[in-house]
Protein backbone atom coordinates (compact mmCIF):
# COMPACT_ATOMS: atom_id res chain seq x y z
CA MET A 1 -20.75 -54.13 -1.99
CA ILE A 2 -22.99 -52.07 -4.54
CA TYR A 3 -21.42 -50.81 -7.57
CA MET A 4 -22.11 -46.98 -7.72
CA PRO A 5 -21.46 -45.66 -11.26
CA ASP A 6 -19.82 -42.09 -11.70
CA SER A 7 -22.90 -41.33 -13.63
CA LEU A 8 -25.12 -41.55 -10.63
CA LEU A 9 -22.70 -39.39 -8.54
CA GLU A 10 -22.50 -36.50 -11.72
CA TYR A 11 -26.27 -36.92 -11.85
CA TYR A 12 -26.57 -36.04 -8.06
CA LEU A 13 -24.29 -33.27 -8.38
CA LEU A 14 -25.98 -31.63 -11.63
CA GLU A 15 -29.28 -31.97 -10.09
CA ASP A 16 -28.33 -29.35 -7.40
CA ILE A 17 -25.27 -27.39 -8.96
CA SER A 18 -25.23 -27.71 -12.65
CA MET A 19 -25.34 -23.75 -13.01
CA GLY A 20 -23.02 -23.24 -9.65
CA ASP A 21 -23.72 -21.69 -6.38
CA LEU A 22 -25.31 -18.05 -7.00
CA THR A 23 -25.19 -17.00 -3.38
CA THR A 24 -21.55 -18.13 -3.24
CA ARG A 25 -20.45 -16.67 -6.56
CA SER A 26 -22.05 -13.42 -5.62
CA LEU A 27 -20.22 -13.13 -2.31
CA GLY A 28 -17.05 -13.76 -4.07
CA LEU A 29 -16.24 -16.94 -2.14
CA HIS A 30 -13.97 -18.71 -3.99
CA GLY A 31 -9.95 -19.39 -4.13
CA LYS A 32 -9.97 -19.66 -0.43
CA PRO A 33 -9.32 -22.85 1.86
CA GLY A 34 -12.00 -24.14 3.85
CA ARG A 35 -13.18 -27.04 6.02
CA MET A 36 -16.78 -28.83 6.19
CA THR A 37 -17.52 -31.41 8.81
CA PHE A 38 -20.79 -33.77 8.67
CA THR A 39 -21.89 -34.50 12.48
CA ASN A 40 -24.90 -36.82 13.58
CA ARG A 41 -27.15 -35.17 16.23
CA GLN A 42 -28.83 -38.24 17.28
CA PRO A 43 -27.81 -42.30 17.47
CA THR A 44 -27.60 -43.45 13.87
CA THR A 45 -26.36 -45.82 11.50
CA THR A 46 -23.63 -44.84 9.36
CA SER A 47 -24.62 -45.63 5.18
CA GLY A 48 -23.58 -43.45 2.27
CA ILE A 49 -19.98 -42.38 3.65
CA LYS A 50 -18.23 -43.76 1.01
CA LEU A 51 -20.58 -42.54 -1.76
CA SER A 52 -20.38 -39.02 -0.52
CA GLU A 53 -16.53 -39.11 -0.14
CA ARG A 54 -16.44 -40.01 -3.83
CA LEU A 55 -18.88 -37.31 -4.65
CA LEU A 56 -16.60 -34.63 -2.76
CA ASN A 57 -13.54 -35.82 -4.39
CA LYS A 58 -15.19 -35.02 -7.94
CA LEU A 59 -14.95 -31.63 -6.98
CA GLY A 60 -11.90 -31.08 -6.31
CA LEU A 61 -12.21 -31.88 -2.19
CA LYS A 62 -10.00 -33.72 -0.10
CA VAL A 63 -11.61 -36.21 2.76
CA THR A 64 -9.46 -35.90 5.51
CA ALA A 65 -11.61 -38.35 7.85
CA ALA A 66 -14.41 -40.95 7.41
CA LEU A 67 -16.09 -43.34 9.25
CA ALA A 68 -16.70 -46.58 7.73
CA ASP A 69 -20.20 -47.50 6.75
CA GLY A 70 -22.22 -49.60 8.52
CA MET A 71 -21.17 -48.59 12.04
CA ASN A 72 -23.95 -48.16 14.77
CA ILE A 73 -23.20 -44.60 16.46
CA THR A 74 -24.85 -43.88 19.77
CA GLU A 75 -23.09 -40.41 20.16
CA PRO A 76 -22.39 -37.41 18.35
CA GLN A 77 -19.31 -37.76 16.18
CA VAL A 78 -17.80 -36.65 12.86
CA LEU A 79 -18.98 -38.79 10.09
CA LEU A 80 -17.27 -37.01 7.43
CA CYS A 81 -14.78 -34.13 7.00
CA ALA A 82 -13.38 -32.76 3.67
CA GLU A 83 -10.99 -29.58 2.95
CA GLY A 84 -10.69 -27.43 -0.21
CA ASP A 85 -11.87 -24.43 -1.96
CA ILE A 86 -14.72 -22.94 -0.16
CA ALA A 87 -16.83 -22.59 -3.12
CA ALA A 88 -16.37 -26.22 -4.16
CA LEU A 89 -17.17 -27.18 -0.09
CA HIS A 90 -20.62 -25.12 -0.75
CA GLN A 91 -21.43 -27.01 -3.99
CA GLY A 92 -20.85 -30.40 -2.16
CA TRP A 93 -22.47 -29.20 0.97
CA LYS A 94 -26.35 -29.77 0.32
CA VAL A 95 -25.60 -32.89 -1.96
CA ALA A 96 -23.48 -34.93 0.42
CA GLN A 97 -26.25 -34.16 3.34
CA ASN A 98 -29.01 -35.15 1.78
CA ILE A 99 -27.50 -38.46 0.56
CA LEU A 100 -26.11 -38.78 4.39
CA GLU A 101 -29.10 -38.16 5.91
CA TRP A 102 -31.57 -40.46 3.86
CA SER A 103 -28.82 -43.33 3.65
CA CYS A 104 -28.50 -43.11 7.41
CA GLY A 105 -31.96 -43.14 8.14
CA VAL A 106 -32.44 -46.15 6.04
CA ALA A 107 -29.91 -47.90 7.50
CA HIS A 108 -30.73 -47.06 11.20
CA ALA A 109 -34.36 -48.35 10.61
CA ALA A 110 -33.01 -51.46 9.16
CA SER A 111 -30.77 -52.01 11.96
CA LYS A 112 -33.35 -51.29 14.76
CA LEU A 113 -35.63 -54.11 12.59
CA VAL A 114 -32.74 -56.44 12.82
CA GLN A 115 -31.82 -56.12 16.42
CA GLN A 116 -35.73 -56.43 17.63
CA ALA A 117 -36.38 -59.19 15.70
CA ARG A 118 -33.02 -61.19 16.79
CA THR A 119 -34.20 -60.59 20.68
CA GLN A 120 -37.03 -63.28 19.54
CA ASN A 121 -35.26 -65.44 17.03
CA PRO A 122 -31.03 -64.91 16.71
CA GLN A 123 -31.18 -66.61 13.03
CA VAL A 124 -34.11 -64.72 11.36
CA GLN A 125 -33.02 -62.49 8.60
CA ILE A 126 -34.64 -59.11 7.63
CA ALA A 127 -35.18 -58.98 3.91
CA CYS A 128 -36.08 -55.40 2.26
CA THR A 129 -37.77 -55.46 -0.99
CA ARG A 130 -37.75 -53.82 -4.13
CA LYS A 131 -40.18 -51.44 -3.27
CA SER A 132 -37.79 -48.53 -2.60
CA ILE A 133 -38.63 -44.66 -3.31
CA PRO A 134 -38.34 -44.22 -7.30
CA GLY A 135 -34.65 -43.30 -8.28
CA THR A 136 -33.34 -44.61 -4.90
CA ARG A 137 -32.69 -48.16 -5.51
CA LEU A 138 -28.80 -48.27 -5.44
CA LEU A 139 -28.59 -45.90 -2.31
CA ALA A 140 -31.48 -47.88 -0.63
CA THR A 141 -30.04 -51.32 -1.17
CA THR A 142 -26.99 -50.04 0.07
CA ALA A 143 -28.19 -48.47 3.17
CA ILE A 144 -30.36 -51.62 4.12
CA LEU A 145 -27.17 -53.70 3.77
CA ASP A 146 -25.15 -51.36 5.94
CA GLY A 147 -28.09 -51.75 8.48
CA GLY A 148 -27.77 -55.51 8.50
CA ALA A 149 -30.76 -56.57 6.49
CA ILE A 150 -30.56 -58.44 3.18
CA ILE A 151 -32.02 -58.40 -0.07
CA HIS A 152 -35.14 -59.82 -1.13
CA ARG A 153 -35.58 -59.18 -4.45
CA ALA A 154 -32.94 -56.84 -6.43
CA GLY A 155 -35.34 -57.02 -9.41
CA CYS A 156 -37.49 -59.32 -11.61
CA ALA A 157 -34.71 -61.14 -13.34
CA GLU A 158 -33.20 -62.34 -9.94
CA THR A 159 -35.66 -64.66 -8.31
CA ILE A 160 -38.88 -66.29 -9.19
CA LEU A 161 -41.69 -65.35 -7.26
CA LEU A 162 -45.10 -66.46 -8.51
CA PHE A 163 -47.77 -63.76 -7.26
CA ALA A 164 -51.57 -64.00 -7.75
CA ASN A 165 -51.38 -61.64 -10.57
CA HIS A 166 -49.38 -64.06 -12.82
CA ARG A 167 -51.83 -67.00 -11.82
CA HIS A 168 -54.82 -64.91 -12.89
CA CYS A 169 -53.24 -64.33 -16.54
CA LEU A 170 -53.21 -68.32 -17.01
CA PRO A 171 -55.68 -70.32 -18.17
CA GLN A 172 -56.02 -72.58 -14.94
CA PRO A 173 -55.04 -69.81 -12.29
CA PHE A 174 -55.68 -72.34 -9.29
CA ASP A 175 -53.40 -75.23 -10.59
CA TRP A 176 -50.60 -74.51 -8.61
CA GLN A 177 -48.64 -77.52 -9.35
CA GLN A 178 -48.73 -76.87 -12.88
CA HIS A 179 -47.40 -73.30 -12.33
CA ILE A 180 -44.48 -74.83 -10.42
CA ALA A 181 -43.73 -77.37 -12.65
CA GLN A 182 -43.29 -74.81 -15.49
CA LEU A 183 -41.38 -72.34 -13.36
CA ARG A 184 -38.93 -75.44 -12.60
CA ARG A 185 -38.70 -76.41 -16.04
CA ASN A 186 -38.13 -73.15 -17.55
CA ALA A 187 -35.72 -71.66 -14.66
CA PRO A 188 -34.09 -74.68 -13.40
CA GLU A 189 -31.47 -73.01 -11.69
CA LYS A 190 -33.70 -71.26 -9.48
CA LYS A 191 -35.70 -71.70 -6.40
CA VAL A 192 -39.44 -71.45 -6.77
CA ILE A 193 -41.07 -69.01 -4.43
CA VAL A 194 -44.77 -68.49 -4.33
CA GLU A 195 -47.16 -66.15 -2.64
CA ALA A 196 -50.02 -67.00 -0.44
CA ASP A 197 -52.43 -64.35 0.08
CA SER A 198 -54.79 -66.26 2.31
CA MET A 199 -54.89 -69.64 4.42
CA SER A 200 -56.93 -71.54 1.46
CA GLU A 201 -53.78 -70.36 -0.78
CA ALA A 202 -51.35 -71.45 1.53
CA GLU A 203 -52.80 -74.92 1.94
CA LEU A 204 -52.88 -75.30 -2.04
CA ALA A 205 -49.08 -73.54 -2.04
CA ILE A 206 -48.19 -76.41 0.48
CA LYS A 207 -49.69 -79.47 -1.29
CA ALA A 208 -47.79 -77.98 -4.98
CA LYS A 209 -44.39 -78.23 -2.86
CA PRO A 210 -42.51 -75.24 -4.00
CA ASP A 211 -39.13 -74.30 -2.44
CA ILE A 212 -40.53 -71.19 -0.48
CA ILE A 213 -44.17 -70.00 0.18
CA GLN A 214 -44.16 -66.17 0.95
CA LEU A 215 -47.37 -65.65 3.32
CA ASP A 216 -48.72 -61.97 2.50
CA LYS A 217 -50.16 -59.83 5.06
CA PHE A 218 -50.73 -62.91 7.58
CA SER A 219 -50.89 -62.42 11.40
CA PRO A 220 -48.56 -63.96 13.74
CA GLN A 221 -51.31 -66.34 14.47
CA GLN A 222 -52.02 -67.22 10.99
CA ILE A 223 -48.41 -68.17 10.09
CA LEU A 224 -48.30 -70.53 13.36
CA GLU A 225 -51.42 -72.23 11.80
CA ALA A 226 -49.38 -72.37 8.32
CA LEU A 227 -46.40 -73.93 9.99
CA ASN A 228 -48.38 -76.25 11.66
CA LEU A 229 -50.40 -77.36 8.52
CA ALA A 230 -46.93 -77.37 6.69
CA ALA A 231 -45.53 -79.81 9.24
CA GLN A 232 -48.52 -82.20 9.30
CA GLN A 233 -48.29 -82.13 5.25
CA GLY A 234 -44.84 -83.02 5.40
CA PHE A 235 -43.69 -79.93 3.78
CA ARG A 236 -39.84 -79.46 3.38
CA GLY A 237 -39.50 -76.15 2.08
CA GLN A 238 -39.48 -72.80 3.95
CA LEU A 239 -42.53 -70.24 4.86
CA ILE A 240 -41.46 -66.78 5.18
CA ALA A 241 -43.33 -63.63 6.05
CA ALA A 242 -44.19 -60.61 4.30
CA GLY A 243 -46.66 -57.42 4.33
CA GLY A 244 -47.15 -55.24 7.14
CA ILE A 245 -44.06 -55.85 8.83
CA LYS A 246 -42.53 -52.80 11.01
CA LEU A 247 -40.96 -52.37 14.24
CA SER A 248 -44.02 -51.79 16.09
CA ASN A 249 -44.75 -55.69 15.31
CA ILE A 250 -41.95 -57.28 14.17
CA GLN A 251 -41.00 -59.06 17.40
CA ASP A 252 -44.31 -60.59 17.26
CA TYR A 253 -43.44 -62.05 13.83
CA ALA A 254 -40.04 -63.28 14.42
CA ALA A 255 -41.42 -65.10 17.46
CA THR A 256 -43.10 -67.49 15.11
CA GLY A 257 -39.85 -68.97 14.02
CA VAL A 258 -40.17 -68.23 10.14
CA PRO A 259 -36.62 -67.78 9.29
CA VAL A 260 -37.23 -64.59 6.76
CA LEU A 261 -39.28 -61.37 7.48
CA VAL A 262 -40.03 -59.45 4.33
CA THR A 263 -40.64 -55.40 4.53
CA SER A 264 -40.32 -52.33 2.78
CA SER A 265 -40.59 -50.07 5.79
CA PRO A 266 -36.96 -48.97 6.23
CA TYR A 267 -37.06 -47.16 2.86
CA TYR A 268 -39.63 -44.58 4.33
CA ALA A 269 -37.86 -44.12 7.76
CA LYS A 270 -37.35 -40.51 8.95
CA PRO A 271 -33.64 -39.27 7.75
CA ALA A 272 -31.16 -38.92 9.93
CA ASP A 273 -30.36 -35.43 11.91
CA ILE A 274 -26.90 -34.20 10.50
CA LYS A 275 -25.18 -31.25 11.21
CA VAL A 276 -23.00 -29.66 8.59
CA THR A 277 -20.26 -26.74 9.65
CA LEU A 278 -18.34 -24.99 6.86
CA LYS A 279 -15.54 -22.86 7.83
CA PRO A 280 -12.05 -21.15 6.44
CA ASN A 281 -9.02 -23.24 7.43
């Protein structure tokens, strides 16, 4: 479970309703009980429901029904239902709807990637990067987990990943063995992951023997060539694939047999289509 602080919920609310709801106030809609339901119109994967429940509770509303996060829904059904003052329901309406639509969209995209990839390799993991839309990291991370994917890197402090941009800032940028030895010495509890941008870099990386080599923007055929080279060299680490992996090609990448496919594509998926109905109780 990803911890969502109350300050985040308050930020989402204040962004939209810090001065109240002018339309509701002008119509005198307050002090009367009402009921609000959120229903998916199309197949989706649930995410953001628990967060929306907490958000609505902050407005003094009572959630009377809620599905669990991480469910694959094929038919329209009520995802969330809340009751309380009509004015408060209107205040929570769009904030909760935005969270649900975006989160479910990301979760569903991740779920489809996982499902398609595992038709070719039942053991493959889909790992989503930290390249989420700015300001959405916690929502995005929760959503991809709800979709069955895993976290590639939650942040820079979590894992070691040696990029070309790191190497180019060093006195000997092509001395992979020296860089890897330094990383092992200064971060002894971490696996050393390096990124290779070409077959020649993959060959140098294989010889340097890191724990994991991330093949960036390699075609499936190039990945097979790199796997063959690694086998010939007796490389005992893992090769994983990243860059340009999406629903239209994920089966081809999964068929290579690499254990992890790294992608950012779920973060930019189309939001779910969720209908909101608000009526007096």
